[in-house]
Amino acid sequence: MSGERVSPLYCPYCAEEDLRPHGDTHGTWECRSCTRVFALKFVGLLAPAVTRPATGSVVKR
């Protein structure tokens, strides 16, 4: 996994690729096609599920 931040490739609303950074806030983008402004934020990673060998049931950590 790369430590570098990646720019979005397309607008999540209209799927056009005409995106520009918006303002001074990190992670905000503007779509010049549909005139929407949106923000991207990394929340975290999901914990992998663990299977108990005796019961076969799945437990989330």
PDB file of N, CA and C in Angstrom:
ATOM      1  N   MET A   1       0.844  -1.166   0.000  1.00  0.00           N
ATOM      2  CA  MET A   1       0.000   0.000   0.000  1.00  0.00           C
ATOM      3  C   MET A   1       0.890   1.230   0.000  1.00  0.00           C
ATOM      4  N   SER A   2       0.588   2.151  -0.837  1.00  0.00           N
ATOM      5  CA  SER A   2       1.399   3.353  -0.980  1.00  0.00           C
ATOM      6  C   SER A   2       1.101   4.347   0.134  1.00  0.00           C
ATOM      7  N   GLY A   3       2.123   5.050   0.576  1.00  0.00           N
ATOM      8  CA  GLY A   3       1.936   6.083   1.576  1.00  0.00           C
ATOM      9  C   GLY A   3       1.520   7.407   0.969  1.00  0.00           C
ATOM     10  N   GLU A   4       1.554   7.493  -0.355  1.00  0.00           N
ATOM     11  CA  GLU A   4       1.185   8.728  -1.037  1.00  0.00           C
ATOM     12  C   GLU A   4      -0.325   8.821  -1.204  1.00  0.00           C
ATOM     13  N   ARG A   5      -0.823  10.031  -1.183  1.00  0.00           N
ATOM     14  CA  ARG A   5      -2.249  10.248  -1.396  1.00  0.00           C
ATOM     15  C   ARG A   5      -2.516  10.274  -2.892  1.00  0.00           C
ATOM     16  N   VAL A   6      -3.646   9.736  -3.280  1.00  0.00           N
ATOM     17  CA  VAL A   6      -4.004   9.641  -4.689  1.00  0.00           C
ATOM     18  C   VAL A   6      -5.197  10.552  -4.962  1.00  0.00           C
ATOM     19  N   SER A   7      -5.180  11.231  -6.066  1.00  0.00           N
ATOM     20  CA  SER A   7      -6.300  12.084  -6.466  1.00  0.00           C
ATOM     21  C   SER A   7      -7.432  11.218  -6.997  1.00  0.00           C
ATOM     22  N   PRO A   8      -8.684  11.646  -6.795  1.00  0.00           N
ATOM     23  CA  PRO A   8      -9.797  10.885  -7.368  1.00  0.00           C
ATOM     24  C   PRO A   8      -9.726  10.938  -8.894  1.00  0.00           C
ATOM     25  N   LEU A   9     -10.158   9.879  -9.528  1.00  0.00           N
ATOM     26  CA  LEU A   9     -10.101   9.798 -10.986  1.00  0.00           C
ATOM     27  C   LEU A   9     -11.365  10.311 -11.660  1.00  0.00           C
ATOM     28  N   TYR A  10     -12.497  10.274 -10.928  1.00  0.00           N
ATOM     29  CA  TYR A  10     -13.755  10.721 -11.513  1.00  0.00           C
ATOM     30  C   TYR A  10     -14.701  11.210 -10.416  1.00  0.00           C
ATOM     31  N   CYS A  11     -15.678  11.985 -10.810  1.00  0.00           N
ATOM     32  CA  CYS A  11     -16.674  12.524  -9.893  1.00  0.00           C
ATOM     33  C   CYS A  11     -17.607  11.396  -9.440  1.00  0.00           C
ATOM     34  N   PRO A  12     -17.871  11.272  -8.123  1.00  0.00           N
ATOM     35  CA  PRO A  12     -18.766  10.215  -7.649  1.00  0.00           C
ATOM     36  C   PRO A  12     -20.232  10.473  -8.007  1.00  0.00           C
ATOM     37  N   TYR A  13     -20.562  11.655  -8.495  1.00  0.00           N
ATOM     38  CA  TYR A  13     -21.941  11.992  -8.838  1.00  0.00           C
ATOM     39  C   TYR A  13     -22.240  11.845 -10.326  1.00  0.00           C
ATOM     40  N   CYS A  14     -21.338  12.341 -11.181  1.00  0.00           N
ATOM     41  CA  CYS A  14     -21.619  12.307 -12.625  1.00  0.00           C
ATOM     42  C   CYS A  14     -20.612  11.463 -13.407  1.00  0.00           C
ATOM     43  N   ALA A  15     -19.560  11.000 -12.748  1.00  0.00           N
ATOM     44  CA  ALA A  15     -18.530  10.136 -13.337  1.00  0.00           C
ATOM     45  C   ALA A  15     -17.627  10.847 -14.350  1.00  0.00           C
ATOM     46  N   GLU A  16     -17.719  12.158 -14.445  1.00  0.00           N
ATOM     47  CA  GLU A  16     -16.815  12.896 -15.328  1.00  0.00           C
ATOM     48  C   GLU A  16     -15.444  13.022 -14.669  1.00  0.00           C
ATOM     49  N   GLU A  17     -14.438  13.316 -15.456  1.00  0.00           N
ATOM     50  CA  GLU A  17     -13.060  13.378 -14.963  1.00  0.00           C
ATOM     51  C   GLU A  17     -12.520  14.799 -14.827  1.00  0.00           C
ATOM     52  N   ASP A  18     -13.377  15.789 -14.970  1.00  0.00           N
ATOM     53  CA  ASP A  18     -12.942  17.188 -14.921  1.00  0.00           C
ATOM     54  C   ASP A  18     -12.934  17.689 -13.472  1.00  0.00           C
ATOM     55  N   LEU A  19     -11.986  17.202 -12.676  1.00  0.00           N
ATOM     56  CA  LEU A  19     -11.901  17.524 -11.250  1.00  0.00           C
ATOM     57  C   LEU A  19     -10.737  18.455 -10.965  1.00  0.00           C
ATOM     58  N   ARG A  20     -10.935  19.318  -9.977  1.00  0.00           N
ATOM     59  CA  ARG A  20      -9.895  20.232  -9.514  1.00  0.00           C
ATOM     60  C   ARG A  20      -9.950  20.279  -7.990  1.00  0.00           C
ATOM     61  N   PRO A  21      -8.809  20.490  -7.323  1.00  0.00           N
ATOM     62  CA  PRO A  21      -8.848  20.697  -5.867  1.00  0.00           C
ATOM     63  C   PRO A  21      -9.704  21.926  -5.556  1.00  0.00           C
ATOM     64  N   HIS A  22     -10.439  21.874  -4.449  1.00  0.00           N
ATOM     65  CA  HIS A  22     -11.334  22.975  -4.081  1.00  0.00           C
ATOM     66  C   HIS A  22     -10.875  23.615  -2.779  1.00  0.00           C
ATOM     67  N   GLY A  23     -10.556  24.878  -2.824  1.00  0.00           N
ATOM     68  CA  GLY A  23     -10.190  25.624  -1.620  1.00  0.00           C
ATOM     69  C   GLY A  23      -8.904  25.137  -0.983  1.00  0.00           C
ATOM     70  N   ASP A  24      -8.733  25.514   0.279  1.00  0.00           N
ATOM     71  CA  ASP A  24      -7.515  25.171   1.013  1.00  0.00           C
ATOM     72  C   ASP A  24      -7.662  23.918   1.865  1.00  0.00           C
ATOM     73  N   THR A  25      -8.873  23.379   1.963  1.00  0.00           N
ATOM     74  CA  THR A  25      -9.114  22.206   2.799  1.00  0.00           C
ATOM     75  C   THR A  25      -8.661  20.945   2.076  1.00  0.00           C
ATOM     76  N   HIS A  26      -7.823  20.151   2.735  1.00  0.00           N
ATOM     77  CA  HIS A  26      -7.324  18.916   2.134  1.00  0.00           C
ATOM     78  C   HIS A  26      -8.474  17.937   1.891  1.00  0.00           C
ATOM     79  N   GLY A  27      -8.491  17.336   0.725  1.00  0.00           N
ATOM     80  CA  GLY A  27      -9.481  16.311   0.405  1.00  0.00           C
ATOM     81  C   GLY A  27     -10.769  16.823  -0.203  1.00  0.00           C
ATOM     82  N   THR A  28     -10.879  18.115  -0.456  1.00  0.00           N
ATOM     83  CA  THR A  28     -12.085  18.627  -1.104  1.00  0.00           C
ATOM     84  C   THR A  28     -11.811  18.854  -2.587  1.00  0.00           C
ATOM     85  N   TRP A  29     -12.779  18.470  -3.397  1.00  0.00           N
ATOM     86  CA  TRP A  29     -12.643  18.523  -4.851  1.00  0.00           C
ATOM     87  C   TRP A  29     -13.881  19.147  -5.460  1.00  0.00           C
ATOM     88  N   GLU A  30     -13.707  19.785  -6.594  1.00  0.00           N
ATOM     89  CA  GLU A  30     -14.842  20.319  -7.335  1.00  0.00           C
ATOM     90  C   GLU A  30     -14.883  19.681  -8.711  1.00  0.00           C
ATOM     91  N   CYS A  31     -16.089  19.376  -9.148  1.00  0.00           N
ATOM     92  CA  CYS A  31     -16.299  18.820 -10.487  1.00  0.00           C
ATOM     93  C   CYS A  31     -16.775  19.961 -11.370  1.00  0.00           C
ATOM     94  N   ARG A  32     -16.033  20.232 -12.407  1.00  0.00           N
ATOM     95  CA  ARG A  32     -16.389  21.329 -13.309  1.00  0.00           C
ATOM     96  C   ARG A  32     -17.536  20.938 -14.244  1.00  0.00           C
ATOM     97  N   SER A  33     -17.849  19.652 -14.337  1.00  0.00           N
ATOM     98  CA  SER A  33     -18.932  19.209 -15.219  1.00  0.00           C
ATOM     99  C   SER A  33     -20.306  19.365 -14.568  1.00  0.00           C
ATOM    100  N   CYS A  34     -20.446  18.898 -13.326  1.00  0.00           N
ATOM    101  CA  CYS A  34     -21.755  18.968 -12.666  1.00  0.00           C
ATOM    102  C   CYS A  34     -21.800  20.044 -11.581  1.00  0.00           C
ATOM    103  N   THR A  35     -20.717  20.778 -11.409  1.00  0.00           N
ATOM    104  CA  THR A  35     -20.572  21.886 -10.449  1.00  0.00           C
ATOM    105  C   THR A  35     -20.802  21.481  -8.995  1.00  0.00           C
ATOM    106  N   ARG A  36     -20.525  20.233  -8.667  1.00  0.00           N
ATOM    107  CA  ARG A  36     -20.623  19.790  -7.279  1.00  0.00           C
ATOM    108  C   ARG A  36     -19.258  19.876  -6.613  1.00  0.00           C
ATOM    109  N   VAL A  37     -19.268  20.079  -5.309  1.00  0.00           N
ATOM    110  CA  VAL A  37     -18.062  20.055  -4.492  1.00  0.00           C
ATOM    111  C   VAL A  37     -18.239  18.905  -3.508  1.00  0.00           C
ATOM    112  N   PHE A  38     -17.219  18.065  -3.378  1.00  0.00           N
ATOM    113  CA  PHE A  38     -17.314  16.922  -2.471  1.00  0.00           C
ATOM    114  C   PHE A  38     -15.998  16.738  -1.736  1.00  0.00           C
ATOM    115  N   ALA A  39     -16.046  15.974  -0.658  1.00  0.00           N
ATOM    116  CA  ALA A  39     -14.858  15.730   0.159  1.00  0.00           C
ATOM    117  C   ALA A  39     -14.599  14.234   0.239  1.00  0.00           C
ATOM    118  N   LEU A  40     -13.328  13.880   0.243  1.00  0.00           N
ATOM    119  CA  LEU A  40     -12.907  12.497   0.421  1.00  0.00           C
ATOM    120  C   LEU A  40     -12.164  12.394   1.738  1.00  0.00           C
ATOM    121  N   LYS A  41     -12.446  11.329   2.483  1.00  0.00           N
ATOM    122  CA  LYS A  41     -11.797  11.154   3.779  1.00  0.00           C
ATOM    123  C   LYS A  41     -11.570   9.669   4.022  1.00  0.00           C
ATOM    124  N   PHE A  42     -10.352   9.317   4.381  1.00  0.00           N
ATOM    125  CA  PHE A  42     -10.039   7.946   4.755  1.00  0.00           C
ATOM    126  C   PHE A  42     -10.475   7.752   6.198  1.00  0.00           C
ATOM    127  N   VAL A  43     -11.324   6.766   6.456  1.00  0.00           N
ATOM    128  CA  VAL A  43     -11.860   6.540   7.793  1.00  0.00           C
ATOM    129  C   VAL A  43     -11.038   5.512   8.548  1.00  0.00           C
ATOM    130  N   GLY A  44     -10.631   4.434   7.895  1.00  0.00           N
ATOM    131  CA  GLY A  44      -9.841   3.405   8.566  1.00  0.00           C
ATOM    132  C   GLY A  44      -9.940   2.086   7.829  1.00  0.00           C
ATOM    133  N   LEU A  45      -9.362   1.067   8.419  1.00  0.00           N
ATOM    134  CA  LEU A  45      -9.392  -0.274   7.846  1.00  0.00           C
ATOM    135  C   LEU A  45     -10.336  -1.156   8.645  1.00  0.00           C
ATOM    136  N   LEU A  46     -11.013  -2.063   7.965  1.00  0.00           N
ATOM    137  CA  LEU A  46     -11.852  -3.036   8.645  1.00  0.00           C
ATOM    138  C   LEU A  46     -10.976  -4.084   9.299  1.00  0.00           C
ATOM    139  N   ALA A  47     -11.368  -4.511  10.471  1.00  0.00           N
ATOM    140  CA  ALA A  47     -10.645  -5.599  11.125  1.00  0.00           C
ATOM    141  C   ALA A  47     -11.058  -6.903  10.449  1.00  0.00           C
ATOM    142  N   PRO A  48     -10.103  -7.785  10.164  1.00  0.00           N
ATOM    143  CA  PRO A  48     -10.457  -9.049   9.522  1.00  0.00           C
ATOM    144  C   PRO A  48     -11.275  -9.929  10.464  1.00  0.00           C
ATOM    145  N   ALA A  49     -12.183 -10.688   9.899  1.00  0.00           N
ATOM    146  CA  ALA A  49     -12.982 -11.621  10.690  1.00  0.00           C
ATOM    147  C   ALA A  49     -12.110 -12.801  11.104  1.00  0.00           C
ATOM    148  N   VAL A  50     -12.377 -13.337  12.284  1.00  0.00           N
ATOM    149  CA  VAL A  50     -11.630 -14.482  12.806  1.00  0.00           C
ATOM    150  C   VAL A  50     -12.597 -15.645  12.949  1.00  0.00           C
ATOM    151  N   THR A  51     -12.232 -16.806  12.428  1.00  0.00           N
ATOM    152  CA  THR A  51     -13.075 -17.991  12.546  1.00  0.00           C
ATOM    153  C   THR A  51     -12.596 -18.831  13.716  1.00  0.00           C
ATOM    154  N   ARG A  52     -13.529 -19.182  14.588  1.00  0.00           N
ATOM    155  CA  ARG A  52     -13.196 -20.052  15.715  1.00  0.00           C
ATOM    156  C   ARG A  52     -13.169 -21.493  15.221  1.00  0.00           C
ATOM    157  N   PRO A  53     -12.071 -22.220  15.460  1.00  0.00           N
ATOM    158  CA  PRO A  53     -11.959 -23.585  14.950  1.00  0.00           C
ATOM    159  C   PRO A  53     -12.989 -24.547  15.537  1.00  0.00           C
ATOM    160  N   ALA A  54     -13.340 -24.416  16.797  1.00  0.00           N
ATOM    161  CA  ALA A  54     -14.238 -25.372  17.443  1.00  0.00           C
ATOM    162  C   ALA A  54     -15.669 -25.239  16.932  1.00  0.00           C
ATOM    163  N   THR A  55     -16.154 -24.021  16.763  1.00  0.00           N
ATOM    164  CA  THR A  55     -17.547 -23.830  16.379  1.00  0.00           C
ATOM    165  C   THR A  55     -17.715 -23.433  14.920  1.00  0.00           C
ATOM    166  N   GLY A  56     -16.666 -22.916  14.326  1.00  0.00           N
ATOM    167  CA  GLY A  56     -16.757 -22.457  12.948  1.00  0.00           C
ATOM    168  C   GLY A  56     -17.464 -21.121  12.821  1.00  0.00           C
ATOM    169  N   SER A  57     -17.828 -20.517  13.957  1.00  0.00           N
ATOM    170  CA  SER A  57     -18.515 -19.229  13.900  1.00  0.00           C
ATOM    171  C   SER A  57     -17.512 -18.106  13.645  1.00  0.00           C
ATOM    172  N   VAL A  58     -18.000 -17.066  13.033  1.00  0.00           N
ATOM    173  CA  VAL A  58     -17.145 -15.935  12.693  1.00  0.00           C
ATOM    174  C   VAL A  58     -17.300 -14.860  13.765  1.00  0.00           C
ATOM    175  N   VAL A  59     -16.177 -14.351  14.235  1.00  0.00           N
ATOM    176  CA  VAL A  59     -16.161 -13.311  15.256  1.00  0.00           C
ATOM    177  C   VAL A  59     -15.402 -12.116  14.701  1.00  0.00           C
ATOM    178  N   LYS A  60     -15.988 -10.932  14.832  1.00  0.00           N
ATOM    179  CA  LYS A  60     -15.279  -9.722  14.408  1.00  0.00           C
ATOM    180  C   LYS A  60     -14.432  -9.214  15.555  1.00  0.00           C
ATOM    181  N   ARG A  61     -13.262  -8.715  15.223  1.00  0.00           N
ATOM    182  CA  ARG A  61     -12.396  -8.134  16.256  1.00  0.00           C
ATOM    183  C   ARG A  61     -12.748  -6.703  16.475  1.00  0.00           C
TER     184      ARG A  61
END
